[in-house]
mmCIF file of all heavy atoms, coordinates in Angstrom:
data_MODEL
# 
_entry.id   MODEL 
# 
loop_
_atom_site.group_PDB 
_atom_site.id 
_atom_site.type_symbol 
_atom_site.label_atom_id 
_atom_site.label_alt_id 
_atom_site.label_comp_id 
_atom_site.label_asym_id 
_atom_site.label_entity_id 
_atom_site.label_seq_id 
_atom_site.pdbx_PDB_ins_code 
_atom_site.Cartn_x 
_atom_site.Cartn_y 
_atom_site.Cartn_z 
_atom_site.occupancy 
_atom_site.B_iso_or_equiv 
_atom_site.pdbx_formal_charge 
_atom_site.auth_seq_id 
_atom_site.auth_comp_id 
_atom_site.auth_asym_id 
_atom_site.auth_atom_id 
_atom_site.pdbx_PDB_model_num 
ATOM 1   N N   . ALA A 1 1  ? 111.707 83.771  113.086 1.00 0.00 ? 1  ALA A N   1 
ATOM 2   C CA  . ALA A 1 1  ? 111.522 82.410  112.609 1.00 0.00 ? 1  ALA A CA  1 
ATOM 3   C C   . ALA A 1 1  ? 111.887 82.350  111.130 1.00 0.00 ? 1  ALA A C   1 
ATOM 4   O O   . ALA A 1 1  ? 111.693 83.316  110.389 1.00 0.00 ? 1  ALA A O   1 
ATOM 5   C CB  . ALA A 1 1  ? 110.095 81.942  112.830 1.00 0.00 ? 1  ALA A CB  1 
ATOM 6   N N   . ASP A 1 2  ? 112.424 81.250  110.707 1.00 0.00 ? 2  ASP A N   1 
ATOM 7   C CA  . ASP A 1 2  ? 112.825 81.118  109.294 1.00 0.00 ? 2  ASP A CA  1 
ATOM 8   C C   . ASP A 1 2  ? 111.669 81.394  108.351 1.00 0.00 ? 2  ASP A C   1 
ATOM 9   O O   . ASP A 1 2  ? 111.881 81.937  107.257 1.00 0.00 ? 2  ASP A O   1 
ATOM 10  C CB  . ASP A 1 2  ? 113.369 79.699  109.042 1.00 0.00 ? 2  ASP A CB  1 
ATOM 11  C CG  . ASP A 1 2  ? 114.750 79.493  109.685 1.00 0.00 ? 2  ASP A CG  1 
ATOM 12  O OD1 . ASP A 1 2  ? 115.411 80.504  110.017 1.00 0.00 ? 2  ASP A OD1 1 
ATOM 13  O OD2 . ASP A 1 2  ? 115.137 78.339  109.819 1.00 0.00 ? 2  ASP A OD2 1 
ATOM 14  N N   . SER A 1 3  ? 110.476 81.040  108.739 1.00 0.00 ? 3  SER A N   1 
ATOM 15  C CA  . SER A 1 3  ? 109.333 81.178  107.861 1.00 0.00 ? 3  SER A CA  1 
ATOM 16  C C   . SER A 1 3  ? 108.906 82.606  107.613 1.00 0.00 ? 3  SER A C   1 
ATOM 17  O O   . SER A 1 3  ? 108.142 82.904  106.668 1.00 0.00 ? 3  SER A O   1 
ATOM 18  C CB  . SER A 1 3  ? 108.136 80.384  108.413 1.00 0.00 ? 3  SER A CB  1 
ATOM 19  O OG  . SER A 1 3  ? 107.751 80.882  109.689 1.00 0.00 ? 3  SER A OG  1 
ATOM 20  N N   . VAL A 1 4  ? 109.374 83.552  108.447 1.00 0.00 ? 4  VAL A N   1 
ATOM 21  C CA  . VAL A 1 4  ? 108.943 84.946  108.313 1.00 0.00 ? 4  VAL A CA  1 
ATOM 22  C C   . VAL A 1 4  ? 110.129 85.889  108.041 1.00 0.00 ? 4  VAL A C   1 
ATOM 23  O O   . VAL A 1 4  ? 109.909 87.103  107.880 1.00 0.00 ? 4  VAL A O   1 
ATOM 24  C CB  . VAL A 1 4  ? 108.168 85.413  109.523 1.00 0.00 ? 4  VAL A CB  1 
ATOM 25  C CG1 . VAL A 1 4  ? 107.014 84.476  109.832 1.00 0.00 ? 4  VAL A CG1 1 
ATOM 26  C CG2 . VAL A 1 4  ? 109.073 85.559  110.751 1.00 0.00 ? 4  VAL A CG2 1 
ATOM 27  N N   . LYS A 1 5  ? 111.326 85.368  107.993 1.00 0.00 ? 5  LYS A N   1 
ATOM 28  C CA  . LYS A 1 5  ? 112.463 86.253  107.746 1.00 0.00 ? 5  LYS A CA  1 
ATOM 29  C C   . LYS A 1 5  ? 112.284 86.993  106.440 1.00 0.00 ? 5  LYS A C   1 
ATOM 30  O O   . LYS A 1 5  ? 111.837 86.418  105.433 1.00 0.00 ? 5  LYS A O   1 
ATOM 31  C CB  . LYS A 1 5  ? 113.761 85.435  107.717 1.00 0.00 ? 5  LYS A CB  1 
ATOM 32  C CG  . LYS A 1 5  ? 114.215 84.972  109.081 1.00 0.00 ? 5  LYS A CG  1 
ATOM 33  C CD  . LYS A 1 5  ? 115.529 84.207  108.995 1.00 0.00 ? 5  LYS A CD  1 
ATOM 34  C CE  . LYS A 1 5  ? 116.028 83.788  110.365 1.00 0.00 ? 5  LYS A CE  1 
ATOM 35  N NZ  . LYS A 1 5  ? 117.273 82.988  110.294 1.00 0.00 ? 5  LYS A NZ  1 
ATOM 36  N N   . ASP A 1 6  ? 112.629 88.266  106.430 1.00 0.00 ? 6  ASP A N   1 
ATOM 37  C CA  . ASP A 1 6  ? 112.563 89.168  105.277 1.00 0.00 ? 6  ASP A CA  1 
ATOM 38  C C   . ASP A 1 6  ? 111.117 89.582  104.948 1.00 0.00 ? 6  ASP A C   1 
ATOM 39  O O   . ASP A 1 6  ? 110.888 90.310  103.998 1.00 0.00 ? 6  ASP A O   1 
ATOM 40  C CB  . ASP A 1 6  ? 113.232 88.565  104.055 1.00 0.00 ? 6  ASP A CB  1 
ATOM 41  C CG  . ASP A 1 6  ? 114.688 88.228  104.288 1.00 0.00 ? 6  ASP A CG  1 
ATOM 42  O OD1 . ASP A 1 6  ? 115.382 89.023  104.958 1.00 0.00 ? 6  ASP A OD1 1 
ATOM 43  O OD2 . ASP A 1 6  ? 115.117 87.156  103.817 1.00 0.00 ? 6  ASP A OD2 1 
ATOM 44  N N   . ARG A 1 7  ? 110.155 89.100  105.730 1.00 0.00 ? 7  ARG A N   1 
ATOM 45  C CA  . ARG A 1 7  ? 108.770 89.488  105.493 1.00 0.00 ? 7  ARG A CA  1 
ATOM 46  C C   . ARG A 1 7  ? 108.191 90.210  106.718 1.00 0.00 ? 7  ARG A C   1 
ATOM 47  O O   . ARG A 1 7  ? 107.280 91.035  106.543 1.00 0.00 ? 7  ARG A O   1 
ATOM 48  C CB  . ARG A 1 7  ? 107.911 88.272  105.149 1.00 0.00 ? 7  ARG A CB  1 
ATOM 49  C CG  . ARG A 1 7  ? 108.302 87.577  103.887 1.00 0.00 ? 7  ARG A CG  1 
ATOM 50  C CD  . ARG A 1 7  ? 107.219 86.606  103.394 1.00 0.00 ? 7  ARG A CD  1 
ATOM 51  N NE  . ARG A 1 7  ? 106.991 85.541  104.345 1.00 0.00 ? 7  ARG A NE  1 
ATOM 52  C CZ  . ARG A 1 7  ? 105.871 85.389  105.099 1.00 0.00 ? 7  ARG A CZ  1 
ATOM 53  N NH1 . ARG A 1 7  ? 104.908 86.285  105.012 1.00 0.00 ? 7  ARG A NH1 1 
ATOM 54  N NH2 . ARG A 1 7  ? 105.772 84.380  105.941 1.00 0.00 ? 7  ARG A NH2 1 
ATOM 55  N N   . PHE A 1 8  ? 108.614 89.835  107.894 1.00 0.00 ? 8  PHE A N   1 
ATOM 56  C CA  . PHE A 1 8  ? 108.120 90.464  109.111 1.00 0.00 ? 8  PHE A CA  1 
ATOM 57  C C   . PHE A 1 8  ? 109.225 91.319  109.703 1.00 0.00 ? 8  PHE A C   1 
ATOM 58  O O   . PHE A 1 8  ? 110.419 90.985  109.608 1.00 0.00 ? 8  PHE A O   1 
ATOM 59  C CB  . PHE A 1 8  ? 107.719 89.407  110.143 1.00 0.00 ? 8  PHE A CB  1 
ATOM 60  C CG  . PHE A 1 8  ? 106.477 88.604  109.817 1.00 0.00 ? 8  PHE A CG  1 
ATOM 61  C CD1 . PHE A 1 8  ? 105.919 88.635  108.569 1.00 0.00 ? 8  PHE A CD1 1 
ATOM 62  C CD2 . PHE A 1 8  ? 105.872 87.860  110.816 1.00 0.00 ? 8  PHE A CD2 1 
ATOM 63  C CE1 . PHE A 1 8  ? 104.773 87.906  108.286 1.00 0.00 ? 8  PHE A CE1 1 
ATOM 64  C CE2 . PHE A 1 8  ? 104.740 87.144  110.548 1.00 0.00 ? 8  PHE A CE2 1 
ATOM 65  C CZ  . PHE A 1 8  ? 104.203 87.137  109.290 1.00 0.00 ? 8  PHE A CZ  1 
ATOM 66  N N   . THR A 1 9  ? 108.862 92.392  110.362 1.00 0.00 ? 9  THR A N   1 
ATOM 67  C CA  . THR A 1 9  ? 109.791 93.239  111.041 1.00 0.00 ? 9  THR A CA  1 
ATOM 68  C C   . THR A 1 9  ? 109.251 93.611  112.409 1.00 0.00 ? 9  THR A C   1 
ATOM 69  O O   . THR A 1 9  ? 108.172 94.114  112.550 1.00 0.00 ? 9  THR A O   1 
ATOM 70  C CB  . THR A 1 9  ? 110.046 94.537  110.257 1.00 0.00 ? 9  THR A CB  1 
ATOM 71  O OG1 . THR A 1 9  ? 110.524 94.223  108.944 1.00 0.00 ? 9  THR A OG1 1 
ATOM 72  C CG2 . THR A 1 9  ? 111.093 95.399  110.952 1.00 0.00 ? 9  THR A CG2 1 
ATOM 73  N N   . ILE A 1 10 ? 110.074 93.348  113.425 1.00 0.00 ? 10 ILE A N   1 
ATOM 74  C CA  . ILE A 1 10 ? 109.701 93.697  114.788 1.00 0.00 ? 10 ILE A CA  1 
ATOM 75  C C   . ILE A 1 10 ? 110.451 94.940  115.204 1.00 0.00 ? 10 ILE A C   1 
ATOM 76  O O   . ILE A 1 10 ? 111.620 95.143  114.824 1.00 0.00 ? 10 ILE A O   1 
ATOM 77  C CB  . ILE A 1 10 ? 109.997 92.537  115.774 1.00 0.00 ? 10 ILE A CB  1 
ATOM 78  C CG1 . ILE A 1 10 ? 109.417 92.888  117.167 1.00 0.00 ? 10 ILE A CG1 1 
ATOM 79  C CG2 . ILE A 1 10 ? 111.473 92.228  115.853 1.00 0.00 ? 10 ILE A CG2 1 
ATOM 80  C CD1 . ILE A 1 10 ? 109.476 91.680  118.133 1.00 0.00 ? 10 ILE A CD1 1 
ATOM 81  N N   . SER A 1 11 ? 109.796 95.788  115.958 1.00 0.00 ? 11 SER A N   1 
ATOM 82  C CA  . SER A 1 11 ? 110.425 96.973  116.505 1.00 0.00 ? 11 SER A CA  1 
ATOM 83  C C   . SER A 1 11 ? 109.947 97.210  117.916 1.00 0.00 ? 11 SER A C   1 
ATOM 84  O O   . SER A 1 11 ? 108.902 96.652  118.335 1.00 0.00 ? 11 SER A O   1 
ATOM 85  C CB  . SER A 1 11 ? 110.170 98.195  115.621 1.00 0.00 ? 11 SER A CB  1 
ATOM 86  O OG  . SER A 1 11 ? 108.763 98.455  115.510 1.00 0.00 ? 11 SER A OG  1 
ATOM 87  N N   . LEU A 1 12 ? 110.679 98.054  118.633 1.00 0.00 ? 12 LEU A N   1 
ATOM 88  C CA  . LEU A 1 12 ? 110.354 98.314  120.001 1.00 0.00 ? 12 LEU A CA  1 
ATOM 89  C C   . LEU A 1 12 ? 110.597 99.797  120.317 1.00 0.00 ? 12 LEU A C   1 
ATOM 90  O O   . LEU A 1 12 ? 111.673 100.293 120.041 1.00 0.00 ? 12 LEU A O   1 
ATOM 91  C CB  . LEU A 1 12 ? 111.202 97.428  120.933 1.00 0.00 ? 12 LEU A CB  1 
ATOM 92  C CG  . LEU A 1 12 ? 111.090 97.710  122.447 1.00 0.00 ? 12 LEU A CG  1 
ATOM 93  C CD1 . LEU A 1 12 ? 109.687 97.412  122.950 1.00 0.00 ? 12 LEU A CD1 1 
ATOM 94  C CD2 . LEU A 1 12 ? 112.140 96.885  123.183 1.00 0.00 ? 12 LEU A CD2 1 
ATOM 95  N N   . HIS A 1 13 ? 109.579 100.423 120.862 1.00 0.00 ? 13 HIS A N   1 
ATOM 96  C CA  . HIS A 1 13 ? 109.750 101.770 121.365 1.00 0.00 ? 13 HIS A CA  1 
ATOM 97  C C   . HIS A 1 13 ? 109.944 101.619 122.894 1.00 0.00 ? 13 HIS A C   1 
ATOM 98  O O   . HIS A 1 13 ? 108.958 101.466 123.617 1.00 0.00 ? 13 HIS A O   1 
ATOM 99  C CB  . HIS A 1 13 ? 108.524 102.652 121.093 1.00 0.00 ? 13 HIS A CB  1 
ATOM 100 C CG  . HIS A 1 13 ? 108.797 104.115 121.301 1.00 0.00 ? 13 HIS A CG  1 
ATOM 101 N ND1 . HIS A 1 13 ? 109.037 104.641 122.542 1.00 0.00 ? 13 HIS A ND1 1 
ATOM 102 C CD2 . HIS A 1 13 ? 108.859 105.142 120.414 1.00 0.00 ? 13 HIS A CD2 1 
ATOM 103 C CE1 . HIS A 1 13 ? 109.236 105.951 122.417 1.00 0.00 ? 13 HIS A CE1 1 
ATOM 104 N NE2 . HIS A 1 13 ? 109.120 106.250 121.147 1.00 0.00 ? 13 HIS A NE2 1 
ATOM 105 N N   . THR A 1 14 ? 111.196 101.630 123.299 1.00 0.00 ? 14 THR A N   1 
ATOM 106 C CA  . THR A 1 14 ? 111.547 101.298 124.671 1.00 0.00 ? 14 THR A CA  1 
ATOM 107 C C   . THR A 1 14 ? 110.842 102.229 125.695 1.00 0.00 ? 14 THR A C   1 
ATOM 108 O O   . THR A 1 14 ? 110.273 101.760 126.680 1.00 0.00 ? 14 THR A O   1 
ATOM 109 C CB  . THR A 1 14 ? 113.044 101.350 124.898 1.00 0.00 ? 14 THR A CB  1 
ATOM 110 O OG1 . THR A 1 14 ? 113.677 100.465 123.935 1.00 0.00 ? 14 THR A OG1 1 
ATOM 111 C CG2 . THR A 1 14 ? 113.403 100.909 126.292 1.00 0.00 ? 14 THR A CG2 1 
ATOM 112 N N   . ALA A 1 15 ? 110.911 103.533 125.455 1.00 0.00 ? 15 ALA A N   1 
ATOM 113 C CA  . ALA A 1 15 ? 110.323 104.469 126.399 1.00 0.00 ? 15 ALA A CA  1 
ATOM 114 C C   . ALA A 1 15 ? 108.830 104.284 126.541 1.00 0.00 ? 15 ALA A C   1 
ATOM 115 O O   . ALA A 1 15 ? 108.289 104.467 127.642 1.00 0.00 ? 15 ALA A O   1 
ATOM 116 C CB  . ALA A 1 15 ? 110.648 105.909 125.968 1.00 0.00 ? 15 ALA A CB  1 
ATOM 117 N N   . ARG A 1 16 ? 108.162 103.940 125.472 1.00 0.00 ? 16 ARG A N   1 
ATOM 118 C CA  . ARG A 1 16 ? 106.729 103.716 125.511 1.00 0.00 ? 16 ARG A CA  1 
ATOM 119 C C   . ARG A 1 16 ? 106.363 102.287 125.896 1.00 0.00 ? 16 ARG A C   1 
ATOM 120 O O   . ARG A 1 16 ? 105.172 101.997 126.100 1.00 0.00 ? 16 ARG A O   1 
ATOM 121 C CB  . ARG A 1 16 ? 106.094 104.042 124.149 1.00 0.00 ? 16 ARG A CB  1 
ATOM 122 C CG  . ARG A 1 16 ? 106.275 105.485 123.735 1.00 0.00 ? 16 ARG A CG  1 
ATOM 123 C CD  . ARG A 1 16 ? 105.691 105.727 122.367 1.00 0.00 ? 16 ARG A CD  1 
ATOM 124 N NE  . ARG A 1 16 ? 105.872 107.105 121.891 1.00 0.00 ? 16 ARG A NE  1 
ATOM 125 C CZ  . ARG A 1 16 ? 105.522 107.529 120.706 1.00 0.00 ? 16 ARG A CZ  1 
ATOM 126 N NH1 . ARG A 1 16 ? 104.946 106.732 119.852 1.00 0.00 ? 16 ARG A NH1 1 
ATOM 127 N NH2 . ARG A 1 16 ? 105.729 108.804 120.394 1.00 0.00 ? 16 ARG A NH2 1 
ATOM 128 N N   . ARG A 1 17 ? 107.379 101.434 125.999 1.00 0.00 ? 17 ARG A N   1 
ATOM 129 C CA  . ARG A 1 17 ? 107.171 100.023 126.317 1.00 0.00 ? 17 ARG A CA  1 
ATOM 130 C C   . ARG A 1 17 ? 106.112 99.427  125.373 1.00 0.00 ? 17 ARG A C   1 
ATOM 131 O O   . ARG A 1 17 ? 105.144 98.750  125.821 1.00 0.00 ? 17 ARG A O   1 
ATOM 132 C CB  . ARG A 1 17 ? 106.769 99.879  127.775 1.00 0.00 ? 17 ARG A CB  1 
ATOM 133 C CG  . ARG A 1 17 ? 107.856 100.309 128.723 1.00 0.00 ? 17 ARG A CG  1 
ATOM 134 C CD  . ARG A 1 17 ? 107.358 100.479 130.155 1.00 0.00 ? 17 ARG A CD  1 
ATOM 135 N NE  . ARG A 1 17 ? 108.461 100.880 131.025 1.00 0.00 ? 17 ARG A NE  1 
ATOM 136 C CZ  . ARG A 1 17 ? 108.262 101.514 132.178 1.00 0.00 ? 17 ARG A CZ  1 
ATOM 137 N NH1 . ARG A 1 17 ? 107.037 101.808 132.609 1.00 0.00 ? 17 ARG A NH1 1 
ATOM 138 N NH2 . ARG A 1 17 ? 109.311 101.854 132.926 1.00 0.00 ? 17 ARG A NH2 1 
ATOM 139 N N   . THR A 1 18 ? 106.321 99.700  124.119 1.00 0.00 ? 18 THR A N   1 
ATOM 140 C CA  . THR A 1 18 ? 105.415 99.244  123.063 1.00 0.00 ? 18 THR A CA  1 
ATOM 141 C C   . THR A 1 18 ? 106.176 98.582  121.972 1.00 0.00 ? 18 THR A C   1 
ATOM 142 O O   . THR A 1 18 ? 107.221 99.081  121.507 1.00 0.00 ? 18 THR A O   1 
ATOM 143 C CB  . THR A 1 18 ? 104.601 100.443 122.501 1.00 0.00 ? 18 THR A CB  1 
ATOM 144 O OG1 . THR A 1 18 ? 103.857 101.032 123.559 1.00 0.00 ? 18 THR A OG1 1 
ATOM 145 C CG2 . THR A 1 18 ? 103.645 99.997  121.424 1.00 0.00 ? 18 THR A CG2 1 
ATOM 146 N N   . SER A 1 19 ? 105.695 97.468  121.465 1.00 0.00 ? 19 SER A N   1 
ATOM 147 C CA  . SER A 1 19 ? 106.333 96.791  120.363 1.00 0.00 ? 19 SER A CA  1 
ATOM 148 C C   . SER A 1 19 ? 105.395 96.747  119.142 1.00 0.00 ? 19 SER A C   1 
ATOM 149 O O   . SER A 1 19 ? 104.183 96.862  119.287 1.00 0.00 ? 19 SER A O   1 
ATOM 150 C CB  . SER A 1 19 ? 106.738 95.366  120.717 1.00 0.00 ? 19 SER A CB  1 
ATOM 151 O OG  . SER A 1 19 ? 105.593 94.518  120.873 1.00 0.00 ? 19 SER A OG  1 
ATOM 152 N N   . PHE A 1 20 ? 105.986 96.594  117.985 1.00 0.00 ? 20 PHE A N   1 
ATOM 153 C CA  . PHE A 1 20 ? 105.253 96.552  116.734 1.00 0.00 ? 20 PHE A CA  1 
ATOM 154 C C   . PHE A 1 20 ? 105.763 95.383  115.922 1.00 0.00 ? 20 PHE A C   1 
ATOM 155 O O   . PHE A 1 20 ? 106.922 95.049  115.964 1.00 0.00 ? 20 PHE A O   1 
ATOM 156 C CB  . PHE A 1 20 ? 105.412 97.858  115.940 1.00 0.00 ? 20 PHE A CB  1 
ATOM 157 C CG  . PHE A 1 20 ? 105.000 99.058  116.693 1.00 0.00 ? 20 PHE A CG  1 
ATOM 158 C CD1 . PHE A 1 20 ? 105.902 99.756  117.493 1.00 0.00 ? 20 PHE A CD1 1 
ATOM 159 C CD2 . PHE A 1 20 ? 103.710 99.546  116.629 1.00 0.00 ? 20 PHE A CD2 1 
ATOM 160 C CE1 . PHE A 1 20 ? 105.513 100.891 118.184 1.00 0.00 ? 20 PHE A CE1 1 
ATOM 161 C CE2 . PHE A 1 20 ? 103.300 100.664 117.320 1.00 0.00 ? 20 PHE A CE2 1 
ATOM 162 C CZ  . PHE A 1 20 ? 104.202 101.334 118.104 1.00 0.00 ? 20 PHE A CZ  1 
ATOM 163 N N   . LEU A 1 21 ? 104.872 94.812  115.158 1.00 0.00 ? 21 LEU A N   1 
ATOM 164 C CA  . LEU A 1 21 ? 105.222 93.766  114.214 1.00 0.00 ? 21 LEU A CA  1 
ATOM 165 C C   . LEU A 1 21 ? 104.629 94.099  112.883 1.00 0.00 ? 21 LEU A C   1 
ATOM 166 O O   . LEU A 1 21 ? 103.397 94.089  112.738 1.00 0.00 ? 21 LEU A O   1 
ATOM 167 C CB  . LEU A 1 21 ? 104.749 92.394  114.697 1.00 0.00 ? 21 LEU A CB  1 
ATOM 168 C CG  . LEU A 1 21 ? 105.156 91.201  113.819 1.00 0.00 ? 21 LEU A CG  1 
ATOM 169 C CD1 . LEU A 1 21 ? 106.656 90.937  113.925 1.00 0.00 ? 21 LEU A CD1 1 
ATOM 170 C CD2 . LEU A 1 21 ? 104.359 89.979  114.181 1.00 0.00 ? 21 LEU A CD2 1 
ATOM 171 N N   . GLN A 1 22 ? 105.457 94.392  111.911 1.00 0.00 ? 22 GLN A N   1 
ATOM 172 C CA  . GLN A 1 22 ? 104.974 94.604  110.564 1.00 0.00 ? 22 GLN A CA  1 
ATOM 173 C C   . GLN A 1 22 ? 104.924 93.253  109.847 1.00 0.00 ? 22 GLN A C   1 
ATOM 174 O O   . GLN A 1 22 ? 105.916 92.556  109.741 1.00 0.00 ? 22 GLN A O   1 
ATOM 175 C CB  . GLN A 1 22 ? 105.877 95.577  109.785 1.00 0.00 ? 22 GLN A CB  1 
ATOM 176 C CG  . GLN A 1 22 ? 105.376 95.823  108.387 1.00 0.00 ? 22 GLN A CG  1 
ATOM 177 C CD  . GLN A 1 22 ? 106.102 96.946  107.699 1.00 0.00 ? 22 GLN A CD  1 
ATOM 178 O OE1 . GLN A 1 22 ? 106.608 97.859  108.311 1.00 0.00 ? 22 GLN A OE1 1 
ATOM 179 N NE2 . GLN A 1 22 ? 106.187 96.878  106.378 1.00 0.00 ? 22 GLN A NE2 1 
ATOM 180 N N   . VAL A 1 23 ? 103.739 92.933  109.387 1.00 0.00 ? 23 VAL A N   1 
ATOM 181 C CA  . VAL A 1 23 ? 103.511 91.676  108.729 1.00 0.00 ? 23 VAL A CA  1 
ATOM 182 C C   . VAL A 1 23 ? 103.264 91.916  107.262 1.00 0.00 ? 23 VAL A C   1 
ATOM 183 O O   . VAL A 1 23 ? 102.287 92.508  106.854 1.00 0.00 ? 23 VAL A O   1 
ATOM 184 C CB  . VAL A 1 23 ? 102.281 90.977  109.330 1.00 0.00 ? 23 VAL A CB  1 
ATOM 185 C CG1 . VAL A 1 23 ? 101.963 89.671  108.627 1.00 0.00 ? 23 VAL A CG1 1 
ATOM 186 C CG2 . VAL A 1 23 ? 102.460 90.741  110.840 1.00 0.00 ? 23 VAL A CG2 1 
ATOM 187 N N   . ASN A 1 24 ? 104.210 91.465  106.429 1.00 0.00 ? 24 ASN A N   1 
ATOM 188 C CA  . ASN A 1 24 ? 104.036 91.449  104.991 1.00 0.00 ? 24 ASN A CA  1 
ATOM 189 C C   . ASN A 1 24 ? 103.491 90.104  104.591 1.00 0.00 ? 24 ASN A C   1 
ATOM 190 O O   . ASN A 1 24 ? 104.250 89.169  104.351 1.00 0.00 ? 24 ASN A O   1 
ATOM 191 C CB  . ASN A 1 24 ? 105.366 91.765  104.302 1.00 0.00 ? 24 ASN A CB  1 
ATOM 192 C CG  . ASN A 1 24 ? 105.928 93.129  104.643 1.00 0.00 ? 24 ASN A CG  1 
ATOM 193 O OD1 . ASN A 1 24 ? 107.126 93.249  104.950 1.00 0.00 ? 24 ASN A OD1 1 
ATOM 194 N ND2 . ASN A 1 24 ? 105.084 94.143  104.581 1.00 0.00 ? 24 ASN A ND2 1 
ATOM 195 N N   . ALA A 1 25 ? 102.193 89.995  104.567 1.00 0.00 ? 25 ALA A N   1 
ATOM 196 C CA  . ALA A 1 25 ? 101.533 88.730  104.358 1.00 0.00 ? 25 ALA A CA  1 
ATOM 197 C C   . ALA A 1 25 ? 101.740 88.217  102.962 1.00 0.00 ? 25 ALA A C   1 
ATOM 198 O O   . ALA A 1 25 ? 101.571 88.952  101.990 1.00 0.00 ? 25 ALA A O   1 
ATOM 199 C CB  . ALA A 1 25 ? 100.029 88.851  104.644 1.00 0.00 ? 25 ALA A CB  1 
ATOM 200 N N   . ARG A 1 26 ? 102.080 86.966  102.861 1.00 0.00 ? 26 ARG A N   1 
ATOM 201 C CA  . ARG A 1 26 ? 102.311 86.350  101.565 1.00 0.00 ? 26 ARG A CA  1 
ATOM 202 C C   . ARG A 1 26 ? 101.621 84.992  101.449 1.00 0.00 ? 26 ARG A C   1 
ATOM 203 O O   . ARG A 1 26 ? 101.280 84.586  100.337 1.00 0.00 ? 26 ARG A O   1 
ATOM 204 C CB  . ARG A 1 26 ? 103.818 86.140  101.318 1.00 0.00 ? 26 ARG A CB  1 
ATOM 205 C CG  . ARG A 1 26 ? 104.615 87.418  101.238 1.00 0.00 ? 26 ARG A CG  1 
ATOM 206 C CD  . ARG A 1 26 ? 104.290 88.205  99.988  1.00 0.00 ? 26 ARG A CD  1 
ATOM 207 N NE  . ARG A 1 26 ? 105.161 89.364  99.854  1.00 0.00 ? 26 ARG A NE  1 
ATOM 208 C CZ  . ARG A 1 26 ? 104.922 90.545  100.431 1.00 0.00 ? 26 ARG A CZ  1 
ATOM 209 N NH1 . ARG A 1 26 ? 103.830 90.736  101.115 1.00 0.00 ? 26 ARG A NH1 1 
ATOM 210 N NH2 . ARG A 1 26 ? 105.765 91.540  100.231 1.00 0.00 ? 26 ARG A NH2 1 
ATOM 211 N N   . LYS A 1 27 ? 101.374 84.349  102.544 1.00 0.00 ? 27 LYS A N   1 
ATOM 212 C CA  . LYS A 1 27 ? 100.884 82.976  102.509 1.00 0.00 ? 27 LYS A CA  1 
ATOM 213 C C   . LYS A 1 27 ? 99.740  82.810  103.496 1.00 0.00 ? 27 LYS A C   1 
ATOM 214 O O   . LYS A 1 27 ? 99.628  83.533  104.478 1.00 0.00 ? 27 LYS A O   1 
ATOM 215 C CB  . LYS A 1 27 ? 102.003 81.975  102.893 1.00 0.00 ? 27 LYS A CB  1 
ATOM 216 C CG  . LYS A 1 27 ? 103.274 82.109  102.061 1.00 0.00 ? 27 LYS A CG  1 
ATOM 217 C CD  . LYS A 1 27 ? 104.351 81.191  102.600 1.00 0.00 ? 27 LYS A CD  1 
ATOM 218 C CE  . LYS A 1 27 ? 105.626 81.333  101.799 1.00 0.00 ? 27 LYS A CE  1 
ATOM 219 N NZ  . LYS A 1 27 ? 106.702 80.439  102.340 1.00 0.00 ? 27 LYS A NZ  1 
# 
């Protein structure tokens, strides 16, 4: 989303079927 670009990062470990969201909170 435009509101979180450059602040949040999503990743996926496919084999583990697990996702992560790094939240760099600013607001």
